Amino acid sequence: MEPQYEEEAELLKALAHPVRLEIVHGLLTCGCRNVGCMVSHTGQSQSCVSQHLARLKAAGVVKAERSGNEVYYDLDDPRVAGLLRALFREEGNT
């Protein structure tokens, strides 16, 4: 198997959970960038959101930046925006 297929499969695995999809979709559409906002948006616990963010960060889907006591997340992989827009049938720049 070519390395490209393995790399793409790893990206899809990282996104292959409803909570992670909701978190990443929120980053893309709502600008919900810190854990507190994501907890409110998803209805999940802080520990649940943090665990999913750790998985997304490890896969290179999101990046984190600390500002004081807060950590702000943003998309780190340009392919993700296009994938989610196609998945949710949304228009926009990819």
PDB file of N, CA and C in Angstrom:
ATOM      1  N   MET A   1       0.854  -1.174   0.000  1.00  0.00           N
ATOM      2  CA  MET A   1       0.000   0.000   0.000  1.00  0.00           C
ATOM      3  C   MET A   1       0.906   1.246   0.000  1.00  0.00           C
ATOM      4  N   GLU A   2       0.516   2.231  -0.771  1.00  0.00           N
ATOM      5  CA  GLU A   2       1.300   3.458  -0.848  1.00  0.00           C
ATOM      6  C   GLU A   2       1.131   4.286   0.424  1.00  0.00           C
ATOM      7  N   PRO A   3       2.214   4.977   0.839  1.00  0.00           N
ATOM      8  CA  PRO A   3       2.148   5.791   2.068  1.00  0.00           C
ATOM      9  C   PRO A   3       1.033   6.837   2.046  1.00  0.00           C
ATOM     10  N   GLN A   4       0.715   7.363   0.868  1.00  0.00           N
ATOM     11  CA  GLN A   4      -0.339   8.377   0.785  1.00  0.00           C
ATOM     12  C   GLN A   4      -1.672   7.821   1.275  1.00  0.00           C
ATOM     13  N   TYR A   5      -1.990   6.590   0.930  1.00  0.00           N
ATOM     14  CA  TYR A   5      -3.247   5.993   1.360  1.00  0.00           C
ATOM     15  C   TYR A   5      -3.281   5.819   2.876  1.00  0.00           C
ATOM     16  N   GLU A   6      -2.162   5.436   3.438  1.00  0.00           N
ATOM     17  CA  GLU A   6      -2.093   5.273   4.890  1.00  0.00           C
ATOM     18  C   GLU A   6      -2.270   6.618   5.595  1.00  0.00           C
ATOM     19  N   GLU A   7      -1.646   7.657   5.057  1.00  0.00           N
ATOM     20  CA  GLU A   7      -1.754   8.998   5.636  1.00  0.00           C
ATOM     21  C   GLU A   7      -3.195   9.508   5.579  1.00  0.00           C
ATOM     22  N   GLU A   8      -3.830   9.322   4.444  1.00  0.00           N
ATOM     23  CA  GLU A   8      -5.228   9.761   4.293  1.00  0.00           C
ATOM     24  C   GLU A   8      -6.151   8.956   5.193  1.00  0.00           C
ATOM     25  N   ALA A   9      -5.882   7.660   5.338  1.00  0.00           N
ATOM     26  CA  ALA A   9      -6.700   6.817   6.218  1.00  0.00           C
ATOM     27  C   ALA A   9      -6.567   7.268   7.664  1.00  0.00           C
ATOM     28  N   GLU A  10      -5.369   7.669   8.081  1.00  0.00           N
ATOM     29  CA  GLU A  10      -5.166   8.149   9.452  1.00  0.00           C
ATOM     30  C   GLU A  10      -5.963   9.425   9.705  1.00  0.00           C
ATOM     31  N   LEU A  11      -6.001  10.320   8.724  1.00  0.00           N
ATOM     32  CA  LEU A  11      -6.802  11.542   8.859  1.00  0.00           C
ATOM     33  C   LEU A  11      -8.276  11.181   9.026  1.00  0.00           C
ATOM     34  N   LEU A  12      -8.763  10.278   8.195  1.00  0.00           N
ATOM     35  CA  LEU A  12     -10.167   9.885   8.288  1.00  0.00           C
ATOM     36  C   LEU A  12     -10.476   9.190   9.613  1.00  0.00           C
ATOM     37  N   LYS A  13      -9.545   8.395  10.124  1.00  0.00           N
ATOM     38  CA  LYS A  13      -9.736   7.746  11.432  1.00  0.00           C
ATOM     39  C   LYS A  13      -9.859   8.792  12.540  1.00  0.00           C
ATOM     40  N   ALA A  14      -9.043   9.825  12.449  1.00  0.00           N
ATOM     41  CA  ALA A  14      -9.084  10.878  13.478  1.00  0.00           C
ATOM     42  C   ALA A  14     -10.427  11.589  13.479  1.00  0.00           C
ATOM     43  N   LEU A  15     -11.043  11.705  12.329  1.00  0.00           N
ATOM     44  CA  LEU A  15     -12.339  12.386  12.218  1.00  0.00           C
ATOM     45  C   LEU A  15     -13.519  11.445  12.442  1.00  0.00           C
ATOM     46  N   ALA A  16     -13.261  10.160  12.511  1.00  0.00           N
ATOM     47  CA  ALA A  16     -14.323   9.153  12.518  1.00  0.00           C
ATOM     48  C   ALA A  16     -14.945   8.926  13.896  1.00  0.00           C
ATOM     49  N   HIS A  17     -15.400   9.995  14.507  1.00  0.00           N
ATOM     50  CA  HIS A  17     -16.147   9.903  15.760  1.00  0.00           C
ATOM     51  C   HIS A  17     -17.104  11.094  15.795  1.00  0.00           C
ATOM     52  N   PRO A  18     -18.350  10.883  16.176  1.00  0.00           N
ATOM     53  CA  PRO A  18     -19.327  11.978  16.153  1.00  0.00           C
ATOM     54  C   PRO A  18     -18.906  13.213  16.945  1.00  0.00           C
ATOM     55  N   VAL A  19     -18.309  13.028  18.109  1.00  0.00           N
ATOM     56  CA  VAL A  19     -17.902  14.186  18.918  1.00  0.00           C
ATOM     57  C   VAL A  19     -16.750  14.922  18.241  1.00  0.00           C
ATOM     58  N   ARG A  20     -15.791  14.175  17.703  1.00  0.00           N
ATOM     59  CA  ARG A  20     -14.676  14.838  17.017  1.00  0.00           C
ATOM     60  C   ARG A  20     -15.166  15.580  15.783  1.00  0.00           C
ATOM     61  N   LEU A  21     -16.091  14.988  15.057  1.00  0.00           N
ATOM     62  CA  LEU A  21     -16.666  15.692  13.899  1.00  0.00           C
ATOM     63  C   LEU A  21     -17.352  16.977  14.333  1.00  0.00           C
ATOM     64  N   GLU A  22     -18.094  16.918  15.421  1.00  0.00           N
ATOM     65  CA  GLU A  22     -18.792  18.105  15.917  1.00  0.00           C
ATOM     66  C   GLU A  22     -17.809  19.185  16.355  1.00  0.00           C
ATOM     67  N   ILE A  23     -16.729  18.784  17.017  1.00  0.00           N
ATOM     68  CA  ILE A  23     -15.712  19.742  17.451  1.00  0.00           C
ATOM     69  C   ILE A  23     -15.073  20.421  16.241  1.00  0.00           C
ATOM     70  N   VAL A  24     -14.648  19.630  15.282  1.00  0.00           N
ATOM     71  CA  VAL A  24     -13.971  20.184  14.111  1.00  0.00           C
ATOM     72  C   VAL A  24     -14.935  21.029  13.272  1.00  0.00           C
ATOM     73  N   HIS A  25     -16.166  20.578  13.142  1.00  0.00           N
ATOM     74  CA  HIS A  25     -17.164  21.358  12.415  1.00  0.00           C
ATOM     75  C   HIS A  25     -17.409  22.686  13.113  1.00  0.00           C
ATOM     76  N   GLY A  26     -17.434  22.668  14.438  1.00  0.00           N
ATOM     77  CA  GLY A  26     -17.588  23.904  15.207  1.00  0.00           C
ATOM     78  C   GLY A  26     -16.430  24.861  14.989  1.00  0.00           C
ATOM     79  N   LEU A  27     -15.210  24.334  14.916  1.00  0.00           N
ATOM     80  CA  LEU A  27     -14.052  25.179  14.628  1.00  0.00           C
ATOM     81  C   LEU A  27     -14.181  25.821  13.248  1.00  0.00           C
ATOM     82  N   LEU A  28     -14.692  25.054  12.320  1.00  0.00           N
ATOM     83  CA  LEU A  28     -14.820  25.534  10.945  1.00  0.00           C
ATOM     84  C   LEU A  28     -15.938  26.555  10.786  1.00  0.00           C
ATOM     85  N   THR A  29     -17.062  26.329  11.431  1.00  0.00           N
ATOM     86  CA  THR A  29     -18.242  27.160  11.164  1.00  0.00           C
ATOM     87  C   THR A  29     -18.545  28.206  12.229  1.00  0.00           C
ATOM     88  N   CYS A  30     -18.267  27.877  13.486  1.00  0.00           N
ATOM     89  CA  CYS A  30     -18.669  28.768  14.579  1.00  0.00           C
ATOM     90  C   CYS A  30     -17.518  29.557  15.178  1.00  0.00           C
ATOM     91  N   GLY A  31     -16.315  29.146  14.899  1.00  0.00           N
ATOM     92  CA  GLY A  31     -15.176  29.796  15.514  1.00  0.00           C
ATOM     93  C   GLY A  31     -15.077  29.490  16.997  1.00  0.00           C
ATOM     94  N   CYS A  32     -15.724  28.429  17.429  1.00  0.00           N
ATOM     95  CA  CYS A  32     -15.699  28.000  18.838  1.00  0.00           C
ATOM     96  C   CYS A  32     -14.315  27.414  19.096  1.00  0.00           C
ATOM     97  N   ARG A  33     -13.446  28.168  19.768  1.00  0.00           N
ATOM     98  CA  ARG A  33     -12.043  27.801  19.787  1.00  0.00           C
ATOM     99  C   ARG A  33     -11.486  27.348  21.124  1.00  0.00           C
ATOM    100  N   ASN A  34     -12.183  27.544  22.240  1.00  0.00           N
ATOM    101  CA  ASN A  34     -11.629  27.050  23.505  1.00  0.00           C
ATOM    102  C   ASN A  34     -12.518  25.931  24.054  1.00  0.00           C
ATOM    103  N   VAL A  35     -11.994  25.201  25.016  1.00  0.00           N
ATOM    104  CA  VAL A  35     -12.697  24.024  25.531  1.00  0.00           C
ATOM    105  C   VAL A  35     -14.043  24.403  26.130  1.00  0.00           C
ATOM    106  N   GLY A  36     -14.108  25.508  26.864  1.00  0.00           N
ATOM    107  CA  GLY A  36     -15.377  25.923  27.466  1.00  0.00           C
ATOM    108  C   GLY A  36     -16.465  26.140  26.436  1.00  0.00           C
ATOM    109  N   CYS A  37     -16.120  26.780  25.360  1.00  0.00           N
ATOM    110  CA  CYS A  37     -17.087  27.000  24.278  1.00  0.00           C
ATOM    111  C   CYS A  37     -17.497  25.674  23.643  1.00  0.00           C
ATOM    112  N   MET A  38     -16.525  24.785  23.455  1.00  0.00           N
ATOM    113  CA  MET A  38     -16.823  23.479  22.850  1.00  0.00           C
ATOM    114  C   MET A  38     -17.712  22.637  23.756  1.00  0.00           C
ATOM    115  N   VAL A  39     -17.488  22.731  25.058  1.00  0.00           N
ATOM    116  CA  VAL A  39     -18.339  22.014  26.017  1.00  0.00           C
ATOM    117  C   VAL A  39     -19.773  22.514  25.890  1.00  0.00           C
ATOM    118  N   SER A  40     -19.953  23.821  25.838  1.00  0.00           N
ATOM    119  CA  SER A  40     -21.296  24.397  25.697  1.00  0.00           C
ATOM    120  C   SER A  40     -21.930  24.000  24.372  1.00  0.00           C
ATOM    121  N   HIS A  41     -21.146  24.023  23.322  1.00  0.00           N
ATOM    122  CA  HIS A  41     -21.651  23.740  21.972  1.00  0.00           C
ATOM    123  C   HIS A  41     -22.034  22.272  21.802  1.00  0.00           C
ATOM    124  N   THR A  42     -21.221  21.367  22.364  1.00  0.00           N
ATOM    125  CA  THR A  42     -21.462  19.937  22.149  1.00  0.00           C
ATOM    126  C   THR A  42     -22.323  19.287  23.222  1.00  0.00           C
ATOM    127  N   GLY A  43     -22.354  19.886  24.431  1.00  0.00           N
ATOM    128  CA  GLY A  43     -23.068  19.259  25.533  1.00  0.00           C
ATOM    129  C   GLY A  43     -22.283  18.136  26.178  1.00  0.00           C
ATOM    130  N   GLN A  44     -21.044  17.969  25.786  1.00  0.00           N
ATOM    131  CA  GLN A  44     -20.175  16.936  26.358  1.00  0.00           C
ATOM    132  C   GLN A  44     -19.442  17.497  27.575  1.00  0.00           C
ATOM    133  N   SER A  45     -18.895  16.624  28.379  1.00  0.00           N
ATOM    134  CA  SER A  45     -18.125  17.064  29.547  1.00  0.00           C
ATOM    135  C   SER A  45     -16.783  17.641  29.106  1.00  0.00           C
ATOM    136  N   GLN A  46     -16.171  18.398  30.020  1.00  0.00           N
ATOM    137  CA  GLN A  46     -14.874  18.988  29.732  1.00  0.00           C
ATOM    138  C   GLN A  46     -13.834  17.901  29.470  1.00  0.00           C
ATOM    139  N   SER A  47     -13.862  16.849  30.253  1.00  0.00           N
ATOM    140  CA  SER A  47     -12.870  15.779  30.070  1.00  0.00           C
ATOM    141  C   SER A  47     -13.072  15.059  28.741  1.00  0.00           C
ATOM    142  N   CYS A  48     -14.316  14.873  28.339  1.00  0.00           N
ATOM    143  CA  CYS A  48     -14.615  14.233  27.054  1.00  0.00           C
ATOM    144  C   CYS A  48     -14.079  15.083  25.903  1.00  0.00           C
ATOM    145  N   VAL A  49     -14.378  16.369  25.923  1.00  0.00           N
ATOM    146  CA  VAL A  49     -13.914  17.271  24.865  1.00  0.00           C
ATOM    147  C   VAL A  49     -12.392  17.300  24.845  1.00  0.00           C
ATOM    148  N   SER A  50     -11.769  17.379  25.998  1.00  0.00           N
ATOM    149  CA  SER A  50     -10.308  17.417  26.075  1.00  0.00           C
ATOM    150  C   SER A  50      -9.676  16.151  25.511  1.00  0.00           C
ATOM    151  N   GLN A  51     -10.269  15.002  25.803  1.00  0.00           N
ATOM    152  CA  GLN A  51      -9.740  13.738  25.267  1.00  0.00           C
ATOM    153  C   GLN A  51      -9.836  13.713  23.743  1.00  0.00           C
ATOM    154  N   HIS A  52     -10.945  14.174  23.211  1.00  0.00           N
ATOM    155  CA  HIS A  52     -11.097  14.188  21.754  1.00  0.00           C
ATOM    156  C   HIS A  52     -10.165  15.213  21.112  1.00  0.00           C
ATOM    157  N   LEU A  53      -9.970  16.348  21.756  1.00  0.00           N
ATOM    158  CA  LEU A  53      -9.025  17.338  21.242  1.00  0.00           C
ATOM    159  C   LEU A  53      -7.605  16.778  21.230  1.00  0.00           C
ATOM    160  N   ALA A  54      -7.253  16.003  22.241  1.00  0.00           N
ATOM    161  CA  ALA A  54      -5.922  15.387  22.288  1.00  0.00           C
ATOM    162  C   ALA A  54      -5.735  14.444  21.103  1.00  0.00           C
ATOM    163  N   ARG A  55      -6.761  13.682  20.780  1.00  0.00           N
ATOM    164  CA  ARG A  55      -6.698  12.759  19.619  1.00  0.00           C
ATOM    165  C   ARG A  55      -6.559  13.547  18.329  1.00  0.00           C
ATOM    166  N   LEU A  56      -7.335  14.622  18.190  1.00  0.00           N
ATOM    167  CA  LEU A  56      -7.269  15.453  16.984  1.00  0.00           C
ATOM    168  C   LEU A  56      -5.915  16.144  16.861  1.00  0.00           C
ATOM    169  N   LYS A  57      -5.381  16.582  17.973  1.00  0.00           N
ATOM    170  CA  LYS A  57      -4.071  17.251  17.971  1.00  0.00           C
ATOM    171  C   LYS A  57      -2.975  16.258  17.597  1.00  0.00           C
ATOM    172  N   ALA A  58      -3.025  15.061  18.150  1.00  0.00           N
ATOM    173  CA  ALA A  58      -2.027  14.032  17.848  1.00  0.00           C
ATOM    174  C   ALA A  58      -2.032  13.661  16.365  1.00  0.00           C
ATOM    175  N   ALA A  59      -3.201  13.746  15.747  1.00  0.00           N
ATOM    176  CA  ALA A  59      -3.328  13.419  14.323  1.00  0.00           C
ATOM    177  C   ALA A  59      -2.999  14.604  13.421  1.00  0.00           C
ATOM    178  N   GLY A  60      -2.732  15.763  14.023  1.00  0.00           N
ATOM    179  CA  GLY A  60      -2.400  16.934  13.226  1.00  0.00           C
ATOM    180  C   GLY A  60      -3.599  17.645  12.626  1.00  0.00           C
ATOM    181  N   VAL A  61      -4.786  17.323  13.129  1.00  0.00           N
ATOM    182  CA  VAL A  61      -6.008  17.954  12.619  1.00  0.00           C
ATOM    183  C   VAL A  61      -6.170  19.353  13.207  1.00  0.00           C
ATOM    184  N   VAL A  62      -5.868  19.488  14.497  1.00  0.00           N
ATOM    185  CA  VAL A  62      -5.975  20.791  15.165  1.00  0.00           C
ATOM    186  C   VAL A  62      -4.639  21.168  15.779  1.00  0.00           C
ATOM    187  N   LYS A  63      -4.484  22.446  16.028  1.00  0.00           N
ATOM    188  CA  LYS A  63      -3.314  22.950  16.753  1.00  0.00           C
ATOM    189  C   LYS A  63      -3.822  23.764  17.922  1.00  0.00           C
ATOM    190  N   ALA A  64      -3.000  23.881  18.944  1.00  0.00           N
ATOM    191  CA  ALA A  64      -3.382  24.590  20.168  1.00  0.00           C
ATOM    192  C   ALA A  64      -2.414  25.740  20.404  1.00  0.00           C
ATOM    193  N   GLU A  65      -2.970  26.833  20.914  1.00  0.00           N
ATOM    194  CA  GLU A  65      -2.152  27.991  21.264  1.00  0.00           C
ATOM    195  C   GLU A  65      -2.642  28.526  22.610  1.00  0.00           C
ATOM    196  N   ARG A  66      -1.708  28.664  23.530  1.00  0.00           N
ATOM    197  CA  ARG A  66      -2.049  29.155  24.864  1.00  0.00           C
ATOM    198  C   ARG A  66      -2.038  30.675  24.880  1.00  0.00           C
ATOM    199  N   SER A  67      -3.057  31.232  25.530  1.00  0.00           N
ATOM    200  CA  SER A  67      -3.136  32.676  25.757  1.00  0.00           C
ATOM    201  C   SER A  67      -3.569  32.872  27.204  1.00  0.00           C
ATOM    202  N   GLY A  68      -2.612  33.162  28.074  1.00  0.00           N
ATOM    203  CA  GLY A  68      -2.927  33.258  29.497  1.00  0.00           C
ATOM    204  C   GLY A  68      -3.320  31.901  30.036  1.00  0.00           C
ATOM    205  N   ASN A  69      -4.483  31.829  30.665  1.00  0.00           N
ATOM    206  CA  ASN A  69      -4.978  30.564  31.210  1.00  0.00           C
ATOM    207  C   ASN A  69      -5.780  29.752  30.198  1.00  0.00           C
ATOM    208  N   GLU A  70      -6.056  30.332  29.061  1.00  0.00           N
ATOM    209  CA  GLU A  70      -6.885  29.659  28.058  1.00  0.00           C
ATOM    210  C   GLU A  70      -6.030  29.022  26.970  1.00  0.00           C
ATOM    211  N   VAL A  71      -6.523  27.925  26.418  1.00  0.00           N
ATOM    212  CA  VAL A  71      -5.914  27.297  25.252  1.00  0.00           C
ATOM    213  C   VAL A  71      -6.932  27.411  24.121  1.00  0.00           C
ATOM    214  N   TYR A  72      -6.482  27.946  23.004  1.00  0.00           N
ATOM    215  CA  TYR A  72      -7.353  28.119  21.840  1.00  0.00           C
ATOM    216  C   TYR A  72      -6.930  27.153  20.750  1.00  0.00           C
ATOM    217  N   TYR A  73      -7.922  26.544  20.130  1.00  0.00           N
ATOM    218  CA  TYR A  73      -7.685  25.540  19.095  1.00  0.00           C
ATOM    219  C   TYR A  73      -8.112  26.085  17.744  1.00  0.00           C
ATOM    220  N   ASP A  74      -7.428  25.589  16.724  1.00  0.00           N
ATOM    221  CA  ASP A  74      -7.756  25.956  15.355  1.00  0.00           C
ATOM    222  C   ASP A  74      -7.403  24.774  14.461  1.00  0.00           C
ATOM    223  N   LEU A  75      -7.961  24.748  13.260  1.00  0.00           N
ATOM    224  CA  LEU A  75      -7.630  23.687  12.321  1.00  0.00           C
ATOM    225  C   LEU A  75      -6.171  23.816  11.910  1.00  0.00           C
ATOM    226  N   ASP A  76      -5.497  22.690  11.791  1.00  0.00           N
ATOM    227  CA  ASP A  76      -4.085  22.681  11.422  1.00  0.00           C
ATOM    228  C   ASP A  76      -3.851  21.970  10.106  1.00  0.00           C
ATOM    229  N   ASP A  77      -4.858  21.309   9.580  1.00  0.00           N
ATOM    230  CA  ASP A  77      -4.726  20.560   8.330  1.00  0.00           C
ATOM    231  C   ASP A  77      -5.689  21.157   7.309  1.00  0.00           C
ATOM    232  N   PRO A  78      -5.163  21.751   6.245  1.00  0.00           N
ATOM    233  CA  PRO A  78      -6.033  22.419   5.268  1.00  0.00           C
ATOM    234  C   PRO A  78      -7.009  21.476   4.560  1.00  0.00           C
ATOM    235  N   ARG A  79      -6.737  20.190   4.548  1.00  0.00           N
ATOM    236  CA  ARG A  79      -7.643  19.231   3.893  1.00  0.00           C
ATOM    237  C   ARG A  79      -8.956  19.084   4.644  1.00  0.00           C
ATOM    238  N   VAL A  80      -8.936  19.347   5.952  1.00  0.00           N
ATOM    239  CA  VAL A  80     -10.105  19.102   6.794  1.00  0.00           C
ATOM    240  C   VAL A  80     -11.280  19.985   6.397  1.00  0.00           C
ATOM    241  N   ALA A  81     -11.034  21.248   6.110  1.00  0.00           N
ATOM    242  CA  ALA A  81     -12.128  22.158   5.740  1.00  0.00           C
ATOM    243  C   ALA A  81     -12.858  21.638   4.503  1.00  0.00           C
ATOM    244  N   GLY A  82     -12.117  21.237   3.502  1.00  0.00           N
ATOM    245  CA  GLY A  82     -12.737  20.707   2.286  1.00  0.00           C
ATOM    246  C   GLY A  82     -13.503  19.429   2.536  1.00  0.00           C
ATOM    247  N   LEU A  83     -12.934  18.547   3.350  1.00  0.00           N
ATOM    248  CA  LEU A  83     -13.625  17.293   3.673  1.00  0.00           C
ATOM    249  C   LEU A  83     -14.953  17.553   4.377  1.00  0.00           C
ATOM    250  N   LEU A  84     -14.939  18.437   5.370  1.00  0.00           N
ATOM    251  CA  LEU A  84     -16.167  18.692   6.126  1.00  0.00           C
ATOM    252  C   LEU A  84     -17.204  19.420   5.284  1.00  0.00           C
ATOM    253  N   ARG A  85     -16.765  20.340   4.466  1.00  0.00           N
ATOM    254  CA  ARG A  85     -17.731  21.033   3.600  1.00  0.00           C
ATOM    255  C   ARG A  85     -18.394  20.051   2.644  1.00  0.00           C
ATOM    256  N   ALA A  86     -17.624  19.124   2.113  1.00  0.00           N
ATOM    257  CA  ALA A  86     -18.199  18.107   1.235  1.00  0.00           C
ATOM    258  C   ALA A  86     -19.117  17.171   2.016  1.00  0.00           C
ATOM    259  N   LEU A  87     -18.687  16.771   3.185  1.00  0.00           N
ATOM    260  CA  LEU A  87     -19.467  15.859   4.011  1.00  0.00           C
ATOM    261  C   LEU A  87     -20.811  16.456   4.414  1.00  0.00           C
ATOM    262  N   PHE A  88     -20.798  17.733   4.809  1.00  0.00           N
ATOM    263  CA  PHE A  88     -22.020  18.393   5.249  1.00  0.00           C
ATOM    264  C   PHE A  88     -22.696  19.194   4.148  1.00  0.00           C
ATOM    265  N   ARG A  89     -22.198  19.023   2.914  1.00  0.00           N
ATOM    266  CA  ARG A  89     -22.775  19.694   1.731  1.00  0.00           C
ATOM    267  C   ARG A  89     -22.876  21.203   1.917  1.00  0.00           C
ATOM    268  N   GLU A  90     -21.779  21.790   2.388  1.00  0.00           N
ATOM    269  CA  GLU A  90     -21.719  23.223   2.604  1.00  0.00           C
ATOM    270  C   GLU A  90     -20.848  23.848   1.538  1.00  0.00           C
ATOM    271  N   GLU A  91     -21.159  25.069   1.189  1.00  0.00           N
ATOM    272  CA  GLU A  91     -20.336  25.799   0.235  1.00  0.00           C
ATOM    273  C   GLU A  91     -19.368  26.674   0.996  1.00  0.00           C
ATOM    274  N   GLY A  92     -18.317  27.051   0.351  1.00  0.00           N
ATOM    275  CA  GLY A  92     -17.333  27.938   0.965  1.00  0.00           C
ATOM    276  C   GLY A  92     -15.982  27.709   0.366  1.00  0.00           C
ATOM    277  N   ASN A  93     -15.048  28.509   0.786  1.00  0.00           N
ATOM    278  CA  ASN A  93     -13.687  28.374   0.294  1.00  0.00           C
ATOM    279  C   ASN A  93     -13.059  27.157   0.934  1.00  0.00           C
ATOM    280  N   THR A  94     -12.381  26.349   0.121  1.00  0.00           N
ATOM    281  CA  THR A  94     -11.705  25.156   0.637  1.00  0.00           C
ATOM    282  C   THR A  94     -10.228  25.244   0.465  1.00  0.00           C
TER     283      THR A  94
END
